[in-house]
């Protein structure tokens, strides 16, 4: 294991942490960056496992909120409703992800041109959504109806295609179903925890016989870096989305996808 490999793991961890909660597809970004850096991880496990580092930033930033929900779960209908909503929204990705795991890792993760196209298409969707005169009917993520939570969970499944964006699909899905931008973003944040914890556990189990000590070292480097970077992003994202909407992220996606396609045409 070279210093260059550790540096690449550090840089990819930064990229993961800074993009995980933005509607720009962190997986698409790190797969494209890894492709052009020549970074190869065993079974593309690095790209999946470091995402939990970013997701754990939610626990740090929202620790008091998590603790309140946990201790009031036996007695509070609001907490029970919220926990049920997260569970219901998580189930579609859990089922589909388990069945499609091999296809996702061996086909979709190995298709940089597809990632670029999905980045561009997703950017166009974000620009379109920001032009709609959506009137929020719900501003509290804690009171989400089970059917609405399930629909948001189905939207999350689109993000199994790298370049779509898990946070983007759930935030846009929530907004189209009547949630305010902050409420949709908050529900997306909390939904990320069981989703990525499940993906982490399942991928680690499937790859347990393939990983070496060197693989473990670069995963730890990327994991810790992603955690620190994500803490910085999470603290300001809700306020940014409320003020600026989704348009900046839409243009960013289109720019990255376009540059990626040009680079693939030139250097492969």
C-alpha atoms as a PDB file:
ATOM      1  CA  UNK A   1       0.000   0.000   0.000  1.00  0.00           C
ATOM      2  CA  UNK A   2       1.570   3.262  -1.168  1.00  0.00           C
ATOM      3  CA  UNK A   3       1.316   6.800   0.173  1.00  0.00           C
ATOM      4  CA  UNK A   4      -0.436   7.689  -3.090  1.00  0.00           C
ATOM      5  CA  UNK A   5      -3.208   5.174  -2.359  1.00  0.00           C
ATOM      6  CA  UNK A   6      -3.691   6.597   1.146  1.00  0.00           C
ATOM      7  CA  UNK A   7      -3.824  10.118  -0.295  1.00  0.00           C
ATOM      8  CA  UNK A   8      -6.444   9.031  -2.815  1.00  0.00           C
ATOM      9  CA  UNK A   9      -8.484   7.432  -0.010  1.00  0.00           C
ATOM     10  CA  UNK A  10      -8.235  10.689   1.960  1.00  0.00           C
ATOM     11  CA  UNK A  11      -9.342  12.805  -1.009  1.00  0.00           C
ATOM     12  CA  UNK A  12     -12.228  10.470  -1.836  1.00  0.00           C
ATOM     13  CA  UNK A  13     -13.274  10.529   1.818  1.00  0.00           C
ATOM     14  CA  UNK A  14     -13.359  14.334   1.700  1.00  0.00           C
ATOM     15  CA  UNK A  15     -15.416  14.218  -1.466  1.00  0.00           C
ATOM     16  CA  UNK A  16     -17.843  11.716   0.082  1.00  0.00           C
ATOM     17  CA  UNK A  17     -18.278  13.761   3.243  1.00  0.00           C
ATOM     18  CA  UNK A  18     -18.848  17.029   1.431  1.00  0.00           C
ATOM     19  CA  UNK A  19     -21.361  15.581  -1.044  1.00  0.00           C
ATOM     20  CA  UNK A  20     -23.288  12.883   0.889  1.00  0.00           C
ATOM     21  CA  UNK A  21     -26.049  15.197   2.068  1.00  0.00           C
ATOM     22  CA  UNK A  22     -26.094  17.409  -1.006  1.00  0.00           C
ATOM     23  CA  UNK A  23     -28.496  16.372  -3.810  1.00  0.00           C
ATOM     24  CA  UNK A  24     -25.577  15.800  -6.185  1.00  0.00           C
ATOM     25  CA  UNK A  25     -24.871  12.049  -5.710  1.00  0.00           C
ATOM     26  CA  UNK A  26     -21.859  11.397  -3.505  1.00  0.00           C
ATOM     27  CA  UNK A  27     -21.539   7.884  -4.963  1.00  0.00           C
ATOM     28  CA  UNK A  28     -21.480   9.265  -8.493  1.00  0.00           C
ATOM     29  CA  UNK A  29     -18.807  11.783  -7.536  1.00  0.00           C
ATOM     30  CA  UNK A  30     -16.471   9.327  -5.824  1.00  0.00           C
ATOM     31  CA  UNK A  31     -16.893   6.698  -8.551  1.00  0.00           C
ATOM     32  CA  UNK A  32     -16.048   9.250 -11.242  1.00  0.00           C
ATOM     33  CA  UNK A  33     -13.154  10.662  -9.229  1.00  0.00           C
ATOM     34  CA  UNK A  34     -11.877   7.151  -8.539  1.00  0.00           C
ATOM     35  CA  UNK A  35     -12.131   6.296 -12.232  1.00  0.00           C
ATOM     36  CA  UNK A  36      -9.997   9.246 -13.335  1.00  0.00           C
ATOM     37  CA  UNK A  37      -7.556   8.840 -10.430  1.00  0.00           C
ATOM     38  CA  UNK A  38      -7.126   5.170 -11.301  1.00  0.00           C
ATOM     39  CA  UNK A  39      -8.264   4.231  -7.785  1.00  0.00           C
ATOM     40  CA  UNK A  40      -9.331   0.593  -7.510  1.00  0.00           C
ATOM     41  CA  UNK A  41     -10.952  -0.862  -4.397  1.00  0.00           C
ATOM     42  CA  UNK A  42     -11.692  -4.524  -3.806  1.00  0.00           C
ATOM     43  CA  UNK A  43     -15.198  -5.176  -5.087  1.00  0.00           C
ATOM     44  CA  UNK A  44     -15.990  -1.431  -4.955  1.00  0.00           C
ATOM     45  CA  UNK A  45     -16.406  -1.951  -1.218  1.00  0.00           C
ATOM     46  CA  UNK A  46     -14.516   1.213  -0.235  1.00  0.00           C
ATOM     47  CA  UNK A  47     -17.056   3.384  -2.066  1.00  0.00           C
ATOM     48  CA  UNK A  48     -19.927   1.846  -0.096  1.00  0.00           C
ATOM     49  CA  UNK A  49     -18.389   1.496   3.354  1.00  0.00           C
ATOM     50  CA  UNK A  50     -17.055   5.037   3.710  1.00  0.00           C
ATOM     51  CA  UNK A  51     -20.564   6.401   3.234  1.00  0.00           C
ATOM     52  CA  UNK A  52     -21.470   5.291   6.755  1.00  0.00           C
ATOM     53  CA  UNK A  53     -18.773   7.635   8.059  1.00  0.00           C
ATOM     54  CA  UNK A  54     -20.631  10.545   6.496  1.00  0.00           C
ATOM     55  CA  UNK A  55     -23.988   9.260   7.719  1.00  0.00           C
ATOM     56  CA  UNK A  56     -22.758   9.075  11.321  1.00  0.00           C
ATOM     57  CA  UNK A  57     -22.326  12.840  11.158  1.00  0.00           C
ATOM     58  CA  UNK A  58     -26.115  12.952  11.528  1.00  0.00           C
ATOM     59  CA  UNK A  59     -25.840  11.253  14.922  1.00  0.00           C
ATOM     60  CA  UNK A  60     -23.271  13.810  16.061  1.00  0.00           C
ATOM     61  CA  UNK A  61     -25.119  16.895  14.862  1.00  0.00           C
ATOM     62  CA  UNK A  62     -28.601  15.679  15.816  1.00  0.00           C
ATOM     63  CA  UNK A  63     -27.635  13.738  18.930  1.00  0.00           C
ATOM     64  CA  UNK A  64     -30.079  15.564  21.196  1.00  0.00           C
ATOM     65  CA  UNK A  65     -32.882  14.984  18.686  1.00  0.00           C
ATOM     66  CA  UNK A  66     -32.034  11.282  18.420  1.00  0.00           C
ATOM     67  CA  UNK A  67     -31.878  10.950  22.188  1.00  0.00           C
ATOM     68  CA  UNK A  68     -35.205  12.709  22.654  1.00  0.00           C
ATOM     69  CA  UNK A  69     -36.904  10.420  20.136  1.00  0.00           C
ATOM     70  CA  UNK A  70     -35.350   7.355  21.763  1.00  0.00           C
ATOM     71  CA  UNK A  71     -36.337   8.164  25.340  1.00  0.00           C
ATOM     72  CA  UNK A  72     -39.849   9.299  24.398  1.00  0.00           C
ATOM     73  CA  UNK A  73     -40.516   6.420  22.013  1.00  0.00           C
ATOM     74  CA  UNK A  74     -42.546   4.374  24.536  1.00  0.00           C
ATOM     75  CA  UNK A  75     -44.879   7.265  25.372  1.00  0.00           C
ATOM     76  CA  UNK A  76     -44.871   9.852  22.563  1.00  0.00           C
ATOM     77  CA  UNK A  77     -47.099   9.336  19.536  1.00  0.00           C
ATOM     78  CA  UNK A  78     -44.985  11.871  17.593  1.00  0.00           C
ATOM     79  CA  UNK A  79     -41.817   9.874  18.218  1.00  0.00           C
ATOM     80  CA  UNK A  80     -43.573   6.601  17.431  1.00  0.00           C
ATOM     81  CA  UNK A  81     -44.975   8.027  14.201  1.00  0.00           C
ATOM     82  CA  UNK A  82     -41.569   9.351  13.145  1.00  0.00           C
ATOM     83  CA  UNK A  83     -39.787   6.071  13.894  1.00  0.00           C
ATOM     84  CA  UNK A  84     -42.474   4.145  12.016  1.00  0.00           C
ATOM     85  CA  UNK A  85     -42.153   6.500   9.045  1.00  0.00           C
ATOM     86  CA  UNK A  86     -38.375   6.003   8.883  1.00  0.00           C
ATOM     87  CA  UNK A  87     -38.796   2.215   9.088  1.00  0.00           C
ATOM     88  CA  UNK A  88     -41.436   2.147   6.344  1.00  0.00           C
ATOM     89  CA  UNK A  89     -39.356   4.403   4.086  1.00  0.00           C
ATOM     90  CA  UNK A  90     -36.284   2.221   4.649  1.00  0.00           C
ATOM     91  CA  UNK A  91     -37.903  -1.093   3.684  1.00  0.00           C
ATOM     92  CA  UNK A  92     -38.073  -0.675  -0.143  1.00  0.00           C
ATOM     93  CA  UNK A  93     -34.340   0.037  -0.395  1.00  0.00           C
ATOM     94  CA  UNK A  94     -33.539  -2.839   1.961  1.00  0.00           C
ATOM     95  CA  UNK A  95     -35.460  -5.366  -0.139  1.00  0.00           C
ATOM     96  CA  UNK A  96     -34.439  -4.129  -3.591  1.00  0.00           C
ATOM     97  CA  UNK A  97     -30.844  -3.508  -2.517  1.00  0.00           C
ATOM     98  CA  UNK A  98     -30.437  -7.058  -1.255  1.00  0.00           C
ATOM     99  CA  UNK A  99     -31.760  -8.579  -4.491  1.00  0.00           C
ATOM    100  CA  UNK A 100     -29.917  -6.201  -6.842  1.00  0.00           C
ATOM    101  CA  UNK A 101     -26.632  -5.967  -4.919  1.00  0.00           C
ATOM    102  CA  UNK A 102     -24.552  -7.889  -7.454  1.00  0.00           C
ATOM    103  CA  UNK A 103     -25.921  -5.990 -10.445  1.00  0.00           C
ATOM    104  CA  UNK A 104     -25.395  -2.641  -8.750  1.00  0.00           C
ATOM    105  CA  UNK A 105     -21.763  -3.363  -7.819  1.00  0.00           C
ATOM    106  CA  UNK A 106     -20.623  -5.139 -10.987  1.00  0.00           C
ATOM    107  CA  UNK A 107     -22.590  -3.252 -13.656  1.00  0.00           C
ATOM    108  CA  UNK A 108     -23.883   0.136 -12.501  1.00  0.00           C
ATOM    109  CA  UNK A 109     -20.796   1.023 -10.425  1.00  0.00           C
ATOM    110  CA  UNK A 110     -18.606   0.206 -13.442  1.00  0.00           C
ATOM    111  CA  UNK A 111     -20.436   2.528 -15.875  1.00  0.00           C
ATOM    112  CA  UNK A 112     -18.921   6.048 -15.664  1.00  0.00           C
ATOM    113  CA  UNK A 113     -20.803   7.249 -18.763  1.00  0.00           C
ATOM    114  CA  UNK A 114     -24.110   6.230 -17.169  1.00  0.00           C
ATOM    115  CA  UNK A 115     -23.131   8.117 -14.004  1.00  0.00           C
ATOM    116  CA  UNK A 116     -22.449  11.279 -16.019  1.00  0.00           C
ATOM    117  CA  UNK A 117     -25.779  11.026 -17.829  1.00  0.00           C
ATOM    118  CA  UNK A 118     -27.671  10.516 -14.560  1.00  0.00           C
ATOM    119  CA  UNK A 119     -25.897  13.510 -13.022  1.00  0.00           C
ATOM    120  CA  UNK A 120     -27.070  15.675 -15.915  1.00  0.00           C
ATOM    121  CA  UNK A 121     -30.629  14.337 -15.917  1.00  0.00           C
ATOM    122  CA  UNK A 122     -30.846  14.729 -12.153  1.00  0.00           C
ATOM    123  CA  UNK A 123     -29.606  18.296 -12.462  1.00  0.00           C
ATOM    124  CA  UNK A 124     -32.351  19.072 -14.957  1.00  0.00           C
ATOM    125  CA  UNK A 125     -34.919  17.629 -12.545  1.00  0.00           C
ATOM    126  CA  UNK A 126     -33.636  19.861  -9.713  1.00  0.00           C
ATOM    127  CA  UNK A 127     -33.850  22.944 -11.943  1.00  0.00           C
ATOM    128  CA  UNK A 128     -37.395  21.965 -12.958  1.00  0.00           C
ATOM    129  CA  UNK A 129     -38.546  21.403  -9.368  1.00  0.00           C
ATOM    130  CA  UNK A 130     -37.289  24.840  -8.346  1.00  0.00           C
ATOM    131  CA  UNK A 131     -39.471  26.436 -11.042  1.00  0.00           C
ATOM    132  CA  UNK A 132     -42.634  24.844  -9.633  1.00  0.00           C
ATOM    133  CA  UNK A 133     -44.822  26.909  -7.369  1.00  0.00           C
ATOM    134  CA  UNK A 134     -45.071  24.191  -4.752  1.00  0.00           C
ATOM    135  CA  UNK A 135     -47.223  24.986  -1.750  1.00  0.00           C
ATOM    136  CA  UNK A 136     -46.052  22.950   1.250  1.00  0.00           C
ATOM    137  CA  UNK A 137     -48.872  21.222   3.080  1.00  0.00           C
ATOM    138  CA  UNK A 138     -46.628  19.855   5.804  1.00  0.00           C
ATOM    139  CA  UNK A 139     -43.688  21.453   7.593  1.00  0.00           C
ATOM    140  CA  UNK A 140     -43.079  18.826  10.296  1.00  0.00           C
ATOM    141  CA  UNK A 141     -41.197  15.658   9.360  1.00  0.00           C
ATOM    142  CA  UNK A 142     -42.303  14.079  12.639  1.00  0.00           C
ATOM    143  CA  UNK A 143     -45.941  13.832  11.540  1.00  0.00           C
ATOM    144  CA  UNK A 144     -45.456  12.184   8.159  1.00  0.00           C
ATOM    145  CA  UNK A 145     -48.191   9.741   7.151  1.00  0.00           C
ATOM    146  CA  UNK A 146     -47.045   6.114   6.603  1.00  0.00           C
ATOM    147  CA  UNK A 147     -48.105   6.120   2.940  1.00  0.00           C
ATOM    148  CA  UNK A 148     -46.123   9.294   2.270  1.00  0.00           C
ATOM    149  CA  UNK A 149     -43.087   7.785   3.999  1.00  0.00           C
ATOM    150  CA  UNK A 150     -43.395   4.672   1.831  1.00  0.00           C
ATOM    151  CA  UNK A 151     -43.514   6.767  -1.346  1.00  0.00           C
ATOM    152  CA  UNK A 152     -40.385   8.634  -0.271  1.00  0.00           C
ATOM    153  CA  UNK A 153     -38.766   5.246   0.333  1.00  0.00           C
ATOM    154  CA  UNK A 154     -39.602   4.246  -3.244  1.00  0.00           C
ATOM    155  CA  UNK A 155     -38.001   7.477  -4.464  1.00  0.00           C
ATOM    156  CA  UNK A 156     -34.874   6.559  -2.516  1.00  0.00           C
ATOM    157  CA  UNK A 157     -34.575   3.330  -4.509  1.00  0.00           C
ATOM    158  CA  UNK A 158     -33.833   5.384  -7.638  1.00  0.00           C
ATOM    159  CA  UNK A 159     -30.510   6.278  -6.036  1.00  0.00           C
ATOM    160  CA  UNK A 160     -29.294   2.716  -6.479  1.00  0.00           C
ATOM    161  CA  UNK A 161     -28.336   4.021  -9.915  1.00  0.00           C
ATOM    162  CA  UNK A 162     -25.126   5.961  -9.168  1.00  0.00           C
ATOM    163  CA  UNK A 163     -25.479   9.571 -10.215  1.00  0.00           C
ATOM    164  CA  UNK A 164     -29.125   9.863  -9.155  1.00  0.00           C
ATOM    165  CA  UNK A 165     -28.465  10.938  -5.518  1.00  0.00           C
ATOM    166  CA  UNK A 166     -30.126   9.441  -2.477  1.00  0.00           C
ATOM    167  CA  UNK A 167     -30.650  12.791  -0.790  1.00  0.00           C
ATOM    168  CA  UNK A 168     -31.787  14.386  -4.055  1.00  0.00           C
ATOM    169  CA  UNK A 169     -34.396  11.729  -4.802  1.00  0.00           C
ATOM    170  CA  UNK A 170     -35.808  11.762  -1.266  1.00  0.00           C
ATOM    171  CA  UNK A 171     -35.836  15.562  -0.917  1.00  0.00           C
ATOM    172  CA  UNK A 172     -37.475  16.063  -4.323  1.00  0.00           C
ATOM    173  CA  UNK A 173     -39.896  13.205  -3.651  1.00  0.00           C
ATOM    174  CA  UNK A 174     -40.853  14.729  -0.320  1.00  0.00           C
ATOM    175  CA  UNK A 175     -41.350  18.182  -1.816  1.00  0.00           C
ATOM    176  CA  UNK A 176     -43.560  16.823  -4.602  1.00  0.00           C
ATOM    177  CA  UNK A 177     -45.653  15.111  -1.927  1.00  0.00           C
ATOM    178  CA  UNK A 178     -46.250  18.359  -0.077  1.00  0.00           C
ATOM    179  CA  UNK A 179     -43.363  18.643   2.387  1.00  0.00           C
ATOM    180  CA  UNK A 180     -41.525  21.910   2.858  1.00  0.00           C
ATOM    181  CA  UNK A 181     -37.875  21.948   1.790  1.00  0.00           C
ATOM    182  CA  UNK A 182     -36.548  21.853   5.380  1.00  0.00           C
ATOM    183  CA  UNK A 183     -38.929  19.038   6.357  1.00  0.00           C
ATOM    184  CA  UNK A 184     -38.036  16.998   3.258  1.00  0.00           C
ATOM    185  CA  UNK A 185     -34.320  17.530   3.890  1.00  0.00           C
ATOM    186  CA  UNK A 186     -34.648  16.593   7.558  1.00  0.00           C
ATOM    187  CA  UNK A 187     -36.544  13.387   6.792  1.00  0.00           C
ATOM    188  CA  UNK A 188     -33.911  12.566   4.161  1.00  0.00           C
ATOM    189  CA  UNK A 189     -31.159  13.044   6.753  1.00  0.00           C
ATOM    190  CA  UNK A 190     -32.738  10.674   9.253  1.00  0.00           C
ATOM    191  CA  UNK A 191     -33.651   8.111   6.596  1.00  0.00           C
ATOM    192  CA  UNK A 192     -29.992   8.009   5.579  1.00  0.00           C
ATOM    193  CA  UNK A 193     -28.947   6.386   8.850  1.00  0.00           C
ATOM    194  CA  UNK A 194     -30.744   3.004   8.606  1.00  0.00           C
ATOM    195  CA  UNK A 195     -30.299   2.953   4.824  1.00  0.00           C
ATOM    196  CA  UNK A 196     -26.536   3.364   4.868  1.00  0.00           C
ATOM    197  CA  UNK A 197     -26.067   1.302   8.033  1.00  0.00           C
ATOM    198  CA  UNK A 198     -27.885  -1.507   6.237  1.00  0.00           C
ATOM    199  CA  UNK A 199     -25.831  -1.054   3.069  1.00  0.00           C
ATOM    200  CA  UNK A 200     -22.618  -0.991   5.137  1.00  0.00           C
ATOM    201  CA  UNK A 201     -23.458  -4.191   7.008  1.00  0.00           C
ATOM    202  CA  UNK A 202     -24.661  -6.090   3.955  1.00  0.00           C
ATOM    203  CA  UNK A 203     -21.713  -5.056   1.769  1.00  0.00           C
ATOM    204  CA  UNK A 204     -19.201  -5.838   4.515  1.00  0.00           C
ATOM    205  CA  UNK A 205     -20.773  -9.274   4.964  1.00  0.00           C
ATOM    206  CA  UNK A 206     -20.717 -10.012   1.218  1.00  0.00           C
ATOM    207  CA  UNK A 207     -17.086  -8.855   0.889  1.00  0.00           C
ATOM    208  CA  UNK A 208     -15.729 -10.289   4.142  1.00  0.00           C
ATOM    209  CA  UNK A 209     -13.594 -12.936   2.425  1.00  0.00           C
ATOM    210  CA  UNK A 210     -12.177 -10.537  -0.172  1.00  0.00           C
ATOM    211  CA  UNK A 211     -10.850  -7.720   2.009  1.00  0.00           C
ATOM    212  CA  UNK A 212      -7.205  -7.577   3.074  1.00  0.00           C
ATOM    213  CA  UNK A 213      -5.480  -5.588   5.826  1.00  0.00           C
ATOM    214  CA  UNK A 214      -4.519  -2.911   3.278  1.00  0.00           C
ATOM    215  CA  UNK A 215      -8.175  -2.640   2.204  1.00  0.00           C
ATOM    216  CA  UNK A 216      -9.115  -2.124   5.840  1.00  0.00           C
ATOM    217  CA  UNK A 217      -6.588   0.689   6.266  1.00  0.00           C
ATOM    218  CA  UNK A 218      -7.782   2.698   3.266  1.00  0.00           C
ATOM    219  CA  UNK A 219     -11.422   2.150   4.288  1.00  0.00           C
ATOM    220  CA  UNK A 220     -10.669   3.532   7.773  1.00  0.00           C
ATOM    221  CA  UNK A 221      -8.910   6.575   6.261  1.00  0.00           C
ATOM    222  CA  UNK A 222     -11.836   7.284   3.927  1.00  0.00           C
ATOM    223  CA  UNK A 223     -14.412   6.572   6.652  1.00  0.00           C
ATOM    224  CA  UNK A 224     -12.918   9.004   9.190  1.00  0.00           C
ATOM    225  CA  UNK A 225     -12.310  11.719   6.606  1.00  0.00           C
ATOM    226  CA  UNK A 226     -15.888  11.431   5.324  1.00  0.00           C
ATOM    227  CA  UNK A 227     -17.216  11.716   8.884  1.00  0.00           C
ATOM    228  CA  UNK A 228     -15.368  14.960   9.637  1.00  0.00           C
ATOM    229  CA  UNK A 229     -16.246  16.549   6.283  1.00  0.00           C
ATOM    230  CA  UNK A 230     -19.927  15.584   6.602  1.00  0.00           C
ATOM    231  CA  UNK A 231     -20.233  17.160  10.064  1.00  0.00           C
ATOM    232  CA  UNK A 232     -19.244  20.482   8.486  1.00  0.00           C
ATOM    233  CA  UNK A 233     -21.795  20.162   5.672  1.00  0.00           C
ATOM    234  CA  UNK A 234     -24.759  18.941   7.725  1.00  0.00           C
ATOM    235  CA  UNK A 235     -24.644  21.928  10.075  1.00  0.00           C
ATOM    236  CA  UNK A 236     -25.349  24.384   7.270  1.00  0.00           C
ATOM    237  CA  UNK A 237     -27.285  22.450   4.654  1.00  0.00           C
ATOM    238  CA  UNK A 238     -30.845  22.953   5.917  1.00  0.00           C
ATOM    239  CA  UNK A 239     -30.370  26.714   6.067  1.00  0.00           C
ATOM    240  CA  UNK A 240     -28.750  26.769   2.616  1.00  0.00           C
ATOM    241  CA  UNK A 241     -31.571  24.761   1.006  1.00  0.00           C
ATOM    242  CA  UNK A 242     -34.150  27.037   2.623  1.00  0.00           C
ATOM    243  CA  UNK A 243     -32.468  30.180   1.276  1.00  0.00           C
ATOM    244  CA  UNK A 244     -31.265  29.079  -2.158  1.00  0.00           C
ATOM    245  CA  UNK A 245     -33.386  26.087  -3.141  1.00  0.00           C
ATOM    246  CA  UNK A 246     -32.088  23.296  -5.366  1.00  0.00           C
ATOM    247  CA  UNK A 247     -30.964  25.324  -8.398  1.00  0.00           C
ATOM    248  CA  UNK A 248     -27.260  25.627  -7.401  1.00  0.00           C
ATOM    249  CA  UNK A 249     -27.045  21.865  -7.024  1.00  0.00           C
ATOM    250  CA  UNK A 250     -28.799  21.342 -10.366  1.00  0.00           C
ATOM    251  CA  UNK A 251     -26.228  23.441 -12.229  1.00  0.00           C
ATOM    252  CA  UNK A 252     -23.387  21.746 -10.353  1.00  0.00           C
ATOM    253  CA  UNK A 253     -24.628  18.306 -11.396  1.00  0.00           C
ATOM    254  CA  UNK A 254     -24.954  19.354 -15.039  1.00  0.00           C
ATOM    255  CA  UNK A 255     -21.444  20.826 -15.013  1.00  0.00           C
ATOM    256  CA  UNK A 256     -19.852  17.735 -13.423  1.00  0.00           C
ATOM    257  CA  UNK A 257     -21.737  15.349 -15.703  1.00  0.00           C
ATOM    258  CA  UNK A 258     -20.856  17.366 -18.802  1.00  0.00           C
ATOM    259  CA  UNK A 259     -17.154  17.618 -17.890  1.00  0.00           C
ATOM    260  CA  UNK A 260     -17.153  13.915 -17.093  1.00  0.00           C
ATOM    261  CA  UNK A 261     -18.550  12.975 -20.505  1.00  0.00           C
ATOM    262  CA  UNK A 262     -15.982  15.181 -22.251  1.00  0.00           C
ATOM    263  CA  UNK A 263     -13.159  13.652 -20.184  1.00  0.00           C
ATOM    264  CA  UNK A 264     -14.372  10.124 -20.942  1.00  0.00           C
ATOM    265  CA  UNK A 265     -14.438  10.933 -24.650  1.00  0.00           C
ATOM    266  CA  UNK A 266     -10.905  12.323 -24.523  1.00  0.00           C
ATOM    267  CA  UNK A 267      -9.095   9.962 -22.157  1.00  0.00           C
ATOM    268  CA  UNK A 268     -11.526   7.076 -21.571  1.00  0.00           C
END
